[in-house]
């Protein structure tokens, strides 16, 4: 997964895979997802990211699966 932020347009791009994009779907006025031929999400674009996603800080935490 890659996260890119473009400050000149205040746009965030979250890339989940490198699959080819078949279709882009508008989720809301400022959020779009790209899907591949199998219907899997390839990436998500968030316009006006600082306002819509409160993108002032980014952190990543991988949560390990706990055994029962």
N, C-alpha and C. Protein backbone atom coordinates (compact mmCIF):
# COMPACT_ATOMS: atom_id res chain seq x y z
N UNK A 1 0.85 -1.17 0.00
CA UNK A 1 0.00 0.00 0.00
C UNK A 1 0.89 1.23 0.00
N UNK A 2 0.51 2.21 -0.79
CA UNK A 2 1.23 3.47 -0.87
C UNK A 2 0.25 4.60 -0.64
N UNK A 3 0.69 5.61 0.09
CA UNK A 3 -0.11 6.81 0.28
C UNK A 3 0.68 7.99 -0.27
N UNK A 4 0.07 8.73 -1.17
CA UNK A 4 0.72 9.91 -1.74
C UNK A 4 -0.15 11.13 -1.45
N UNK A 5 0.50 12.23 -1.11
CA UNK A 5 -0.22 13.48 -0.86
C UNK A 5 0.34 14.55 -1.79
N UNK A 6 -0.56 15.25 -2.47
CA UNK A 6 -0.20 16.29 -3.40
C UNK A 6 -0.65 17.63 -2.82
N UNK A 7 0.26 18.38 -2.18
CA UNK A 7 -0.14 19.61 -1.49
C UNK A 7 -0.68 20.70 -2.43
N UNK A 8 -0.22 20.71 -3.68
CA UNK A 8 -0.68 21.76 -4.60
C UNK A 8 -2.17 21.64 -4.91
N UNK A 9 -2.72 20.42 -4.81
CA UNK A 9 -4.15 20.23 -5.06
C UNK A 9 -4.89 19.72 -3.83
N UNK A 10 -4.17 19.54 -2.71
CA UNK A 10 -4.72 19.01 -1.47
C UNK A 10 -5.46 17.69 -1.73
N UNK A 11 -4.76 16.80 -2.44
CA UNK A 11 -5.32 15.51 -2.82
C UNK A 11 -4.49 14.38 -2.24
N UNK A 12 -5.16 13.38 -1.68
CA UNK A 12 -4.49 12.19 -1.18
C UNK A 12 -4.85 11.02 -2.08
N UNK A 13 -3.87 10.20 -2.38
CA UNK A 13 -4.08 9.01 -3.19
C UNK A 13 -3.58 7.82 -2.40
N UNK A 14 -4.47 6.87 -2.14
CA UNK A 14 -4.12 5.65 -1.43
C UNK A 14 -4.16 4.52 -2.46
N UNK A 15 -2.99 3.94 -2.72
CA UNK A 15 -2.89 2.86 -3.69
C UNK A 15 -2.78 1.53 -2.95
N UNK A 16 -3.74 0.65 -3.19
CA UNK A 16 -3.77 -0.65 -2.52
C UNK A 16 -3.05 -1.71 -3.32
N UNK A 17 -3.20 -1.68 -4.64
CA UNK A 17 -2.54 -2.63 -5.53
C UNK A 17 -2.06 -1.89 -6.76
N UNK A 18 -1.32 -2.61 -7.59
CA UNK A 18 -0.86 -2.04 -8.86
C UNK A 18 -1.66 -2.59 -10.04
N UNK A 19 -2.82 -3.19 -9.74
CA UNK A 19 -3.66 -3.75 -10.80
C UNK A 19 -4.13 -2.65 -11.73
N UNK A 20 -4.45 -3.02 -12.96
CA UNK A 20 -4.99 -2.07 -13.93
C UNK A 20 -6.38 -1.65 -13.51
N UNK A 21 -6.68 -0.39 -13.72
CA UNK A 21 -7.98 0.17 -13.35
C UNK A 21 -8.97 -0.04 -14.48
N UNK A 22 -10.11 -0.62 -14.15
CA UNK A 22 -11.18 -0.81 -15.12
C UNK A 22 -12.18 0.33 -15.05
N UNK A 23 -12.47 0.79 -13.83
CA UNK A 23 -13.54 1.76 -13.63
C UNK A 23 -13.26 2.62 -12.40
N UNK A 24 -13.67 3.87 -12.47
CA UNK A 24 -13.61 4.77 -11.32
C UNK A 24 -15.03 5.06 -10.88
N UNK A 25 -15.28 4.92 -9.57
CA UNK A 25 -16.61 5.18 -9.03
C UNK A 25 -16.54 6.35 -8.06
N UNK A 26 -17.52 7.24 -8.16
CA UNK A 26 -17.63 8.36 -7.24
C UNK A 26 -18.38 7.90 -6.00
N UNK A 27 -17.72 7.97 -4.85
CA UNK A 27 -18.33 7.58 -3.59
C UNK A 27 -19.07 8.76 -2.98
N UNK A 28 -18.45 9.92 -3.07
CA UNK A 28 -19.08 11.18 -2.65
C UNK A 28 -18.47 12.28 -3.51
N UNK A 29 -18.82 13.50 -3.24
CA UNK A 29 -18.36 14.61 -4.07
C UNK A 29 -16.84 14.68 -4.18
N UNK A 30 -16.11 14.27 -3.16
CA UNK A 30 -14.66 14.40 -3.14
C UNK A 30 -13.91 13.09 -2.93
N UNK A 31 -14.60 11.96 -3.02
CA UNK A 31 -13.96 10.67 -2.81
C UNK A 31 -14.29 9.74 -3.97
N UNK A 32 -13.24 9.16 -4.54
CA UNK A 32 -13.38 8.27 -5.69
C UNK A 32 -12.59 6.99 -5.43
N UNK A 33 -13.12 5.87 -5.91
CA UNK A 33 -12.36 4.62 -5.85
C UNK A 33 -12.18 4.08 -7.26
N UNK A 34 -11.04 3.46 -7.45
CA UNK A 34 -10.74 2.80 -8.71
C UNK A 34 -10.82 1.30 -8.46
N UNK A 35 -11.47 0.59 -9.38
CA UNK A 35 -11.61 -0.85 -9.23
C UNK A 35 -11.03 -1.56 -10.45
N UNK A 36 -10.61 -2.80 -10.24
CA UNK A 36 -10.05 -3.60 -11.34
C UNK A 36 -11.15 -4.42 -12.01
N UNK A 37 -10.76 -5.25 -12.94
CA UNK A 37 -11.71 -6.04 -13.72
C UNK A 37 -12.50 -7.02 -12.85
N UNK A 38 -11.93 -7.42 -11.71
CA UNK A 38 -12.61 -8.35 -10.80
C UNK A 38 -13.47 -7.64 -9.76
N UNK A 39 -13.49 -6.31 -9.79
CA UNK A 39 -14.27 -5.56 -8.82
C UNK A 39 -13.55 -5.24 -7.54
N UNK A 40 -12.25 -5.52 -7.49
CA UNK A 40 -11.45 -5.23 -6.30
C UNK A 40 -10.95 -3.79 -6.33
N UNK A 41 -10.84 -3.18 -5.15
CA UNK A 41 -10.38 -1.80 -5.08
C UNK A 41 -8.88 -1.74 -5.38
N UNK A 42 -8.52 -0.82 -6.25
CA UNK A 42 -7.13 -0.60 -6.63
C UNK A 42 -6.59 0.62 -5.88
N UNK A 43 -7.38 1.70 -5.85
CA UNK A 43 -6.94 2.92 -5.18
C UNK A 43 -8.13 3.77 -4.80
N UNK A 44 -7.85 4.76 -3.95
CA UNK A 44 -8.87 5.71 -3.50
C UNK A 44 -8.26 7.10 -3.55
N UNK A 45 -9.00 8.03 -4.11
CA UNK A 45 -8.58 9.42 -4.19
C UNK A 45 -9.48 10.25 -3.30
N UNK A 46 -8.85 11.11 -2.48
CA UNK A 46 -9.59 12.00 -1.60
C UNK A 46 -9.19 13.43 -1.96
N UNK A 47 -10.12 14.17 -2.53
CA UNK A 47 -9.88 15.57 -2.84
C UNK A 47 -10.18 16.42 -1.61
N UNK A 48 -9.51 17.56 -1.50
CA UNK A 48 -9.63 18.42 -0.32
C UNK A 48 -9.35 17.60 0.93
N UNK A 49 -8.23 16.87 0.89
CA UNK A 49 -7.91 15.86 1.91
C UNK A 49 -7.76 16.43 3.32
N UNK A 50 -7.18 17.61 3.44
CA UNK A 50 -7.01 18.17 4.79
C UNK A 50 -8.35 18.41 5.45
N UNK A 51 -9.34 18.82 4.67
CA UNK A 51 -10.68 19.10 5.21
C UNK A 51 -11.50 17.81 5.33
N UNK A 52 -11.53 17.00 4.28
CA UNK A 52 -12.40 15.83 4.24
C UNK A 52 -11.88 14.64 5.03
N UNK A 53 -10.57 14.48 5.10
CA UNK A 53 -10.00 13.34 5.79
C UNK A 53 -9.18 13.76 7.00
N UNK A 54 -9.23 15.05 7.29
CA UNK A 54 -8.45 15.60 8.41
C UNK A 54 -6.99 15.14 8.30
N UNK A 55 -6.48 15.27 7.07
CA UNK A 55 -5.14 14.80 6.76
C UNK A 55 -4.10 15.86 7.15
N UNK A 56 -3.82 15.93 8.42
CA UNK A 56 -2.74 16.77 8.90
C UNK A 56 -1.62 15.92 9.46
N UNK A 57 -1.93 14.66 9.71
CA UNK A 57 -0.94 13.72 10.23
C UNK A 57 -1.30 12.34 9.70
N UNK A 58 -0.28 11.54 9.44
CA UNK A 58 -0.51 10.18 8.95
C UNK A 58 0.33 9.23 9.77
N UNK A 59 -0.29 8.15 10.22
CA UNK A 59 0.46 7.11 10.91
C UNK A 59 -0.04 5.76 10.42
N UNK A 60 0.79 4.76 10.63
CA UNK A 60 0.48 3.41 10.17
C UNK A 60 0.75 2.45 11.31
N UNK A 61 -0.21 1.61 11.59
CA UNK A 61 -0.05 0.59 12.61
C UNK A 61 -0.56 -0.74 12.08
N UNK A 62 0.29 -1.75 12.11
CA UNK A 62 -0.16 -3.07 11.72
C UNK A 62 -0.54 -3.82 12.99
N UNK A 63 -1.77 -4.29 13.02
CA UNK A 63 -2.28 -4.97 14.20
C UNK A 63 -2.15 -6.47 13.96
N UNK A 64 -1.42 -7.13 14.82
CA UNK A 64 -1.23 -8.57 14.64
C UNK A 64 -2.47 -9.32 15.10
N UNK A 65 -2.69 -10.45 14.47
CA UNK A 65 -3.83 -11.29 14.81
C UNK A 65 -3.54 -12.00 16.13
N UNK A 66 -4.45 -11.88 17.06
CA UNK A 66 -4.27 -12.53 18.35
C UNK A 66 -4.81 -13.95 18.29
N UNK A 67 -4.12 -14.84 18.91
CA UNK A 67 -4.58 -16.22 18.94
C UNK A 67 -5.55 -16.42 20.10
N UNK A 68 -6.56 -17.22 19.89
CA UNK A 68 -7.57 -17.45 20.92
C UNK A 68 -7.20 -18.57 21.83
